[in-house]
Amino acid sequence: MWRLLRNRLPTKDNLLWRRILAANDVACGYECGELESATHLFLECGIPTTVWLQVQNWVGISTVFPSQMREHFTQFTLMAGMPRSSHSVFKVIWFAYVLVLWKDRNNRFFNNTGSNPSVLF
């Protein structure tokens, strides 16, 4: 989580910046054709967005997606108006969301397998 909130995950845009990947190999692992960045991977891409909307429905909230991961984390985990005691629960939910999507992304990248949004949820 520390690496994600500081944009240090080995996403394809970061690997390109470090000259580990070639410019023609930076497409999103969810095959949407966009550049894979942490923001795109967790907040903008189709399958992750669908999973996040399912999480929001399950929790019973609706929010606007911020443009950065740090803002998304803060918005979701501090949930204005919610009791302070619930902040830890929201952090666990957010961490689980990120972990599940990161593992699915790696399965797609390394094993050529992936899950649909309902399985990920």
N, C-alpha and C. Protein backbone atom coordinates (compact mmCIF):
# COMPACT_ATOMS: atom_id res chain seq x y z
N MET A 1 0.81 -1.18 0.00
CA MET A 1 0.00 0.00 0.00
C MET A 1 0.87 1.26 0.00
N TRP A 2 1.98 1.18 0.72
CA TRP A 2 2.89 2.32 0.74
C TRP A 2 3.36 2.64 -0.67
N ARG A 3 3.74 1.60 -1.42
CA ARG A 3 4.22 1.81 -2.79
C ARG A 3 3.12 2.36 -3.68
N LEU A 4 1.91 1.86 -3.52
CA LEU A 4 0.80 2.33 -4.34
C LEU A 4 0.51 3.80 -4.08
N LEU A 5 0.44 4.19 -2.82
CA LEU A 5 0.10 5.57 -2.49
C LEU A 5 1.20 6.56 -2.87
N ARG A 6 2.38 6.06 -3.17
CA ARG A 6 3.48 6.92 -3.62
C ARG A 6 3.82 6.70 -5.09
N ASN A 7 2.92 6.02 -5.80
CA ASN A 7 3.09 5.71 -7.22
C ASN A 7 4.41 4.98 -7.48
N ARG A 8 4.69 3.96 -6.69
CA ARG A 8 5.92 3.19 -6.84
C ARG A 8 5.66 1.72 -7.20
N LEU A 9 4.43 1.37 -7.51
CA LEU A 9 4.15 0.00 -7.94
C LEU A 9 4.78 -0.23 -9.31
N PRO A 10 5.17 -1.46 -9.60
CA PRO A 10 5.74 -1.74 -10.92
C PRO A 10 4.66 -1.86 -12.00
N THR A 11 3.89 -0.79 -12.16
CA THR A 11 2.93 -0.74 -13.26
C THR A 11 3.72 -0.48 -14.54
N LYS A 12 3.08 -0.71 -15.66
CA LYS A 12 3.81 -0.61 -16.93
C LYS A 12 4.33 0.79 -17.21
N ASP A 13 3.60 1.83 -16.79
CA ASP A 13 4.13 3.19 -16.99
C ASP A 13 5.39 3.42 -16.17
N ASN A 14 5.43 2.90 -14.94
CA ASN A 14 6.65 3.04 -14.13
C ASN A 14 7.79 2.20 -14.68
N LEU A 15 7.48 1.02 -15.21
CA LEU A 15 8.52 0.19 -15.80
C LEU A 15 9.07 0.81 -17.08
N LEU A 16 8.22 1.48 -17.84
CA LEU A 16 8.67 2.21 -19.02
C LEU A 16 9.58 3.36 -18.60
N TRP A 17 9.18 4.12 -17.58
CA TRP A 17 9.97 5.24 -17.09
C TRP A 17 11.35 4.78 -16.62
N ARG A 18 11.40 3.58 -16.04
CA ARG A 18 12.68 3.03 -15.56
C ARG A 18 13.45 2.31 -16.67
N ARG A 19 12.89 2.30 -17.89
CA ARG A 19 13.48 1.67 -19.08
C ARG A 19 13.59 0.16 -18.94
N ILE A 20 12.62 -0.44 -18.27
CA ILE A 20 12.56 -1.89 -18.16
C ILE A 20 11.68 -2.48 -19.26
N LEU A 21 10.63 -1.75 -19.63
CA LEU A 21 9.74 -2.17 -20.71
C LEU A 21 9.92 -1.24 -21.91
N ALA A 22 9.61 -1.80 -23.09
CA ALA A 22 9.62 -1.00 -24.31
C ALA A 22 8.30 -0.22 -24.43
N ALA A 23 8.31 0.84 -25.19
CA ALA A 23 7.14 1.70 -25.35
C ALA A 23 5.96 0.97 -25.97
N ASN A 24 6.19 -0.09 -26.71
CA ASN A 24 5.09 -0.83 -27.34
C ASN A 24 4.51 -1.91 -26.43
N ASP A 25 4.97 -2.00 -25.18
CA ASP A 25 4.51 -3.03 -24.26
C ASP A 25 3.92 -2.44 -22.98
N VAL A 26 3.22 -1.32 -23.09
CA VAL A 26 2.71 -0.66 -21.89
C VAL A 26 1.19 -0.63 -21.82
N ALA A 27 0.53 -1.43 -22.63
CA ALA A 27 -0.94 -1.45 -22.62
C ALA A 27 -1.44 -2.10 -21.34
N CYS A 28 -2.59 -1.67 -20.91
CA CYS A 28 -3.23 -2.16 -19.70
C CYS A 28 -3.43 -3.68 -19.76
N GLY A 29 -3.24 -4.34 -18.63
CA GLY A 29 -3.42 -5.78 -18.54
C GLY A 29 -4.86 -6.23 -18.72
N TYR A 30 -5.80 -5.30 -18.62
CA TYR A 30 -7.20 -5.62 -18.83
C TYR A 30 -7.63 -5.42 -20.28
N GLU A 31 -6.63 -5.23 -21.15
CA GLU A 31 -6.81 -5.18 -22.60
C GLU A 31 -7.78 -4.10 -23.06
N CYS A 32 -7.72 -2.95 -22.43
CA CYS A 32 -8.55 -1.83 -22.86
C CYS A 32 -7.80 -0.92 -23.82
N GLY A 33 -6.50 -1.16 -23.98
CA GLY A 33 -5.70 -0.38 -24.91
C GLY A 33 -5.08 0.88 -24.33
N GLU A 34 -5.36 1.21 -23.09
CA GLU A 34 -4.82 2.41 -22.46
C GLU A 34 -3.46 2.11 -21.81
N LEU A 35 -2.72 3.17 -21.53
CA LEU A 35 -1.47 3.04 -20.80
C LEU A 35 -1.76 2.59 -19.38
N GLU A 36 -1.07 1.55 -18.91
CA GLU A 36 -1.30 1.05 -17.56
C GLU A 36 -0.53 1.89 -16.55
N SER A 37 -1.27 2.61 -15.74
CA SER A 37 -0.72 3.34 -14.61
C SER A 37 -1.53 2.90 -13.39
N ALA A 38 -1.07 3.24 -12.21
CA ALA A 38 -1.81 2.86 -11.00
C ALA A 38 -3.19 3.50 -11.00
N THR A 39 -3.27 4.76 -11.38
CA THR A 39 -4.56 5.44 -11.42
C THR A 39 -5.49 4.77 -12.41
N HIS A 40 -4.96 4.48 -13.59
CA HIS A 40 -5.80 3.82 -14.60
C HIS A 40 -6.23 2.44 -14.11
N LEU A 41 -5.27 1.68 -13.60
CA LEU A 41 -5.53 0.30 -13.20
C LEU A 41 -6.58 0.20 -12.10
N PHE A 42 -6.54 1.06 -11.11
CA PHE A 42 -7.45 0.93 -9.97
C PHE A 42 -8.68 1.83 -10.03
N LEU A 43 -8.65 2.89 -10.84
CA LEU A 43 -9.76 3.85 -10.82
C LEU A 43 -10.46 4.08 -12.16
N GLU A 44 -9.81 3.77 -13.26
CA GLU A 44 -10.36 4.14 -14.55
C GLU A 44 -10.74 2.98 -15.45
N CYS A 45 -10.05 1.89 -15.36
CA CYS A 45 -10.26 0.76 -16.27
C CYS A 45 -11.61 0.07 -15.99
N GLY A 46 -12.17 -0.56 -17.00
CA GLY A 46 -13.51 -1.13 -16.93
C GLY A 46 -13.74 -2.16 -15.84
N ILE A 47 -12.97 -3.22 -15.80
CA ILE A 47 -13.19 -4.29 -14.82
C ILE A 47 -12.96 -3.79 -13.39
N PRO A 48 -11.84 -3.13 -13.10
CA PRO A 48 -11.68 -2.61 -11.74
C PRO A 48 -12.76 -1.63 -11.33
N THR A 49 -13.21 -0.78 -12.24
CA THR A 49 -14.27 0.16 -11.92
C THR A 49 -15.56 -0.57 -11.57
N THR A 50 -15.85 -1.64 -12.32
CA THR A 50 -17.04 -2.44 -12.04
C THR A 50 -16.95 -3.06 -10.65
N VAL A 51 -15.77 -3.58 -10.30
CA VAL A 51 -15.58 -4.17 -8.97
C VAL A 51 -15.76 -3.10 -7.90
N TRP A 52 -15.19 -1.90 -8.12
CA TRP A 52 -15.30 -0.84 -7.13
C TRP A 52 -16.76 -0.42 -6.94
N LEU A 53 -17.52 -0.36 -8.02
CA LEU A 53 -18.93 0.00 -7.90
C LEU A 53 -19.70 -1.07 -7.10
N GLN A 54 -19.33 -2.34 -7.27
CA GLN A 54 -19.94 -3.40 -6.48
C GLN A 54 -19.59 -3.25 -5.00
N VAL A 55 -18.35 -2.87 -4.72
CA VAL A 55 -17.93 -2.64 -3.32
C VAL A 55 -18.75 -1.50 -2.73
N GLN A 56 -18.89 -0.41 -3.47
CA GLN A 56 -19.67 0.73 -2.98
C GLN A 56 -21.12 0.34 -2.72
N ASN A 57 -21.71 -0.42 -3.62
CA ASN A 57 -23.09 -0.87 -3.41
C ASN A 57 -23.20 -1.75 -2.18
N TRP A 58 -22.23 -2.62 -1.99
CA TRP A 58 -22.22 -3.52 -0.84
C TRP A 58 -22.13 -2.74 0.47
N VAL A 59 -21.28 -1.71 0.49
CA VAL A 59 -21.11 -0.90 1.69
C VAL A 59 -22.30 0.05 1.87
N GLY A 60 -22.97 0.37 0.77
CA GLY A 60 -24.13 1.26 0.84
C GLY A 60 -23.78 2.73 0.70
N ILE A 61 -22.75 3.03 -0.09
CA ILE A 61 -22.35 4.41 -0.31
C ILE A 61 -22.20 4.67 -1.80
N SER A 62 -22.14 5.93 -2.16
CA SER A 62 -21.77 6.31 -3.52
C SER A 62 -20.85 7.52 -3.42
N THR A 63 -19.80 7.51 -4.21
CA THR A 63 -18.82 8.59 -4.20
C THR A 63 -18.41 8.92 -5.62
N VAL A 64 -17.77 10.03 -5.76
CA VAL A 64 -17.15 10.42 -7.02
C VAL A 64 -15.72 9.92 -6.97
N PHE A 65 -15.25 9.33 -8.06
CA PHE A 65 -13.88 8.83 -8.08
C PHE A 65 -12.90 9.99 -8.18
N PRO A 66 -12.01 10.14 -7.20
CA PRO A 66 -10.96 11.16 -7.32
C PRO A 66 -9.99 10.77 -8.43
N SER A 67 -9.12 11.68 -8.79
CA SER A 67 -8.21 11.42 -9.90
C SER A 67 -6.89 10.78 -9.48
N GLN A 68 -6.63 10.65 -8.19
CA GLN A 68 -5.38 10.07 -7.71
C GLN A 68 -5.66 9.03 -6.63
N MET A 69 -4.78 8.04 -6.51
CA MET A 69 -4.97 6.95 -5.56
C MET A 69 -4.95 7.47 -4.11
N ARG A 70 -4.06 8.37 -3.79
CA ARG A 70 -3.98 8.89 -2.42
C ARG A 70 -5.30 9.57 -2.03
N GLU A 71 -5.87 10.34 -2.95
CA GLU A 71 -7.15 11.01 -2.69
C GLU A 71 -8.27 9.98 -2.54
N HIS A 72 -8.23 8.94 -3.36
CA HIS A 72 -9.25 7.88 -3.29
C HIS A 72 -9.18 7.19 -1.94
N PHE A 73 -7.98 6.87 -1.51
CA PHE A 73 -7.78 6.22 -0.21
C PHE A 73 -8.32 7.10 0.91
N THR A 74 -7.95 8.37 0.91
CA THR A 74 -8.39 9.28 1.96
C THR A 74 -9.91 9.44 1.95
N GLN A 75 -10.48 9.63 0.77
CA GLN A 75 -11.93 9.81 0.67
C GLN A 75 -12.68 8.60 1.20
N PHE A 76 -12.25 7.40 0.79
CA PHE A 76 -12.99 6.21 1.19
C PHE A 76 -12.76 5.84 2.65
N THR A 77 -11.53 5.93 3.12
CA THR A 77 -11.25 5.44 4.47
C THR A 77 -11.69 6.41 5.57
N LEU A 78 -11.78 7.68 5.27
CA LEU A 78 -12.19 8.63 6.30
C LEU A 78 -13.68 8.94 6.27
N MET A 79 -14.35 8.62 5.20
CA MET A 79 -15.80 8.74 5.03
C MET A 79 -16.42 9.77 5.96
N ALA A 80 -16.48 10.98 5.49
CA ALA A 80 -17.04 12.09 6.27
C ALA A 80 -18.43 11.73 6.80
N GLY A 81 -18.64 12.02 8.04
CA GLY A 81 -19.93 11.75 8.66
C GLY A 81 -20.03 10.38 9.31
N MET A 82 -19.08 9.51 9.03
CA MET A 82 -19.09 8.16 9.61
C MET A 82 -18.34 8.21 10.94
N PRO A 83 -18.71 7.37 11.88
CA PRO A 83 -18.00 7.35 13.17
C PRO A 83 -16.52 6.99 12.98
N ARG A 84 -15.70 7.56 13.79
CA ARG A 84 -14.26 7.33 13.70
C ARG A 84 -13.91 5.84 13.82
N SER A 85 -14.70 5.11 14.58
CA SER A 85 -14.45 3.68 14.77
C SER A 85 -14.60 2.89 13.46
N SER A 86 -15.30 3.43 12.48
CA SER A 86 -15.50 2.70 11.22
C SER A 86 -14.34 2.90 10.25
N HIS A 87 -13.45 3.84 10.51
CA HIS A 87 -12.36 4.13 9.58
C HIS A 87 -11.47 2.92 9.35
N SER A 88 -11.20 2.13 10.38
CA SER A 88 -10.37 0.94 10.23
C SER A 88 -11.03 -0.09 9.33
N VAL A 89 -12.33 -0.24 9.45
CA VAL A 89 -13.07 -1.18 8.60
C VAL A 89 -12.98 -0.76 7.14
N PHE A 90 -13.14 0.54 6.88
CA PHE A 90 -13.05 1.03 5.51
C PHE A 90 -11.64 0.87 4.95
N LYS A 91 -10.62 1.00 5.80
CA LYS A 91 -9.25 0.77 5.34
C LYS A 91 -9.07 -0.68 4.92
N VAL A 92 -9.57 -1.61 5.71
CA VAL A 92 -9.45 -3.03 5.37
C VAL A 92 -10.15 -3.32 4.04
N ILE A 93 -11.33 -2.75 3.83
CA ILE A 93 -12.05 -2.96 2.57
C ILE A 93 -11.25 -2.39 1.41
N TRP A 94 -10.68 -1.21 1.58
CA TRP A 94 -9.90 -0.59 0.51
C TRP A 94 -8.64 -1.41 0.21
N PHE A 95 -7.95 -1.87 1.26
CA PHE A 95 -6.76 -2.71 1.07
C PHE A 95 -7.11 -4.00 0.35
N ALA A 96 -8.23 -4.61 0.72
CA ALA A 96 -8.65 -5.85 0.07
C ALA A 96 -8.94 -5.62 -1.41
N TYR A 97 -9.62 -4.52 -1.72
CA TYR A 97 -9.92 -4.17 -3.11
C TYR A 97 -8.63 -4.07 -3.92
N VAL A 98 -7.67 -3.33 -3.41
CA VAL A 98 -6.40 -3.13 -4.11
C VAL A 98 -5.66 -4.45 -4.26
N LEU A 99 -5.59 -5.24 -3.20
CA LEU A 99 -4.87 -6.51 -3.26
C LEU A 99 -5.49 -7.47 -4.27
N VAL A 100 -6.80 -7.59 -4.27
CA VAL A 100 -7.47 -8.49 -5.21
C VAL A 100 -7.20 -8.06 -6.65
N LEU A 101 -7.30 -6.77 -6.92
CA LEU A 101 -7.07 -6.30 -8.29
C LEU A 101 -5.62 -6.43 -8.70
N TRP A 102 -4.69 -6.18 -7.78
CA TRP A 102 -3.28 -6.31 -8.12
C TRP A 102 -2.94 -7.78 -8.42
N LYS A 103 -3.47 -8.69 -7.61
CA LYS A 103 -3.23 -10.11 -7.86
C LYS A 103 -3.85 -10.56 -9.18
N ASP A 104 -5.05 -10.06 -9.50
CA ASP A 104 -5.68 -10.40 -10.77
C ASP A 104 -4.87 -9.83 -11.93
N ARG A 105 -4.40 -8.61 -11.79
CA ARG A 105 -3.56 -8.00 -12.83
C ARG A 105 -2.31 -8.84 -13.06
N ASN A 106 -1.67 -9.29 -11.99
CA ASN A 106 -0.47 -10.12 -12.13
C ASN A 106 -0.80 -11.48 -12.75
N ASN A 107 -1.94 -12.06 -12.40
CA ASN A 107 -2.34 -13.32 -13.04
C ASN A 107 -2.54 -13.12 -14.54
N ARG A 108 -3.11 -12.01 -14.93
CA ARG A 108 -3.29 -11.72 -16.36
C ARG A 108 -1.94 -11.52 -17.03
N PHE A 109 -1.04 -10.85 -16.36
CA PHE A 109 0.27 -10.51 -16.93
C PHE A 109 1.19 -11.73 -17.01
N PHE A 110 1.26 -12.51 -15.94
CA PHE A 110 2.22 -13.60 -15.88
C PHE A 110 1.65 -14.97 -16.25
N ASN A 111 0.36 -15.21 -16.01
CA ASN A 111 -0.23 -16.53 -16.23
C ASN A 111 -1.27 -16.56 -17.33
N ASN A 112 -1.55 -15.42 -17.95
CA ASN A 112 -2.58 -15.32 -18.99
C ASN A 112 -3.94 -15.81 -18.52
N THR A 113 -4.24 -15.59 -17.24
CA THR A 113 -5.55 -15.93 -16.69
C THR A 113 -6.06 -14.73 -15.92
N GLY A 114 -7.34 -14.61 -15.82
CA GLY A 114 -7.94 -13.52 -15.08
C GLY A 114 -9.35 -13.86 -14.71
N SER A 115 -9.92 -13.09 -13.84
CA SER A 115 -11.28 -13.33 -13.36
C SER A 115 -12.21 -12.24 -13.82
N ASN A 116 -13.50 -12.54 -13.82
CA ASN A 116 -14.48 -11.52 -14.16
C ASN A 116 -14.82 -10.71 -12.90
N PRO A 117 -15.48 -9.56 -13.06
CA PRO A 117 -15.74 -8.68 -11.90
C PRO A 117 -16.50 -9.33 -10.77
N SER A 118 -17.46 -10.20 -11.07
CA SER A 118 -18.23 -10.80 -9.97
C SER A 118 -17.37 -11.74 -9.13
N VAL A 119 -16.44 -12.43 -9.75
CA VAL A 119 -15.52 -13.30 -9.01
C VAL A 119 -14.56 -12.46 -8.18
N LEU A 120 -14.06 -11.37 -8.76
CA LEU A 120 -13.16 -10.49 -8.02
C LEU A 120 -13.85 -9.86 -6.82
N PHE A 121 -15.12 -9.49 -6.99
CA PHE A 121 -15.87 -8.91 -5.87
C PHE A 121 -16.03 -9.94 -4.77
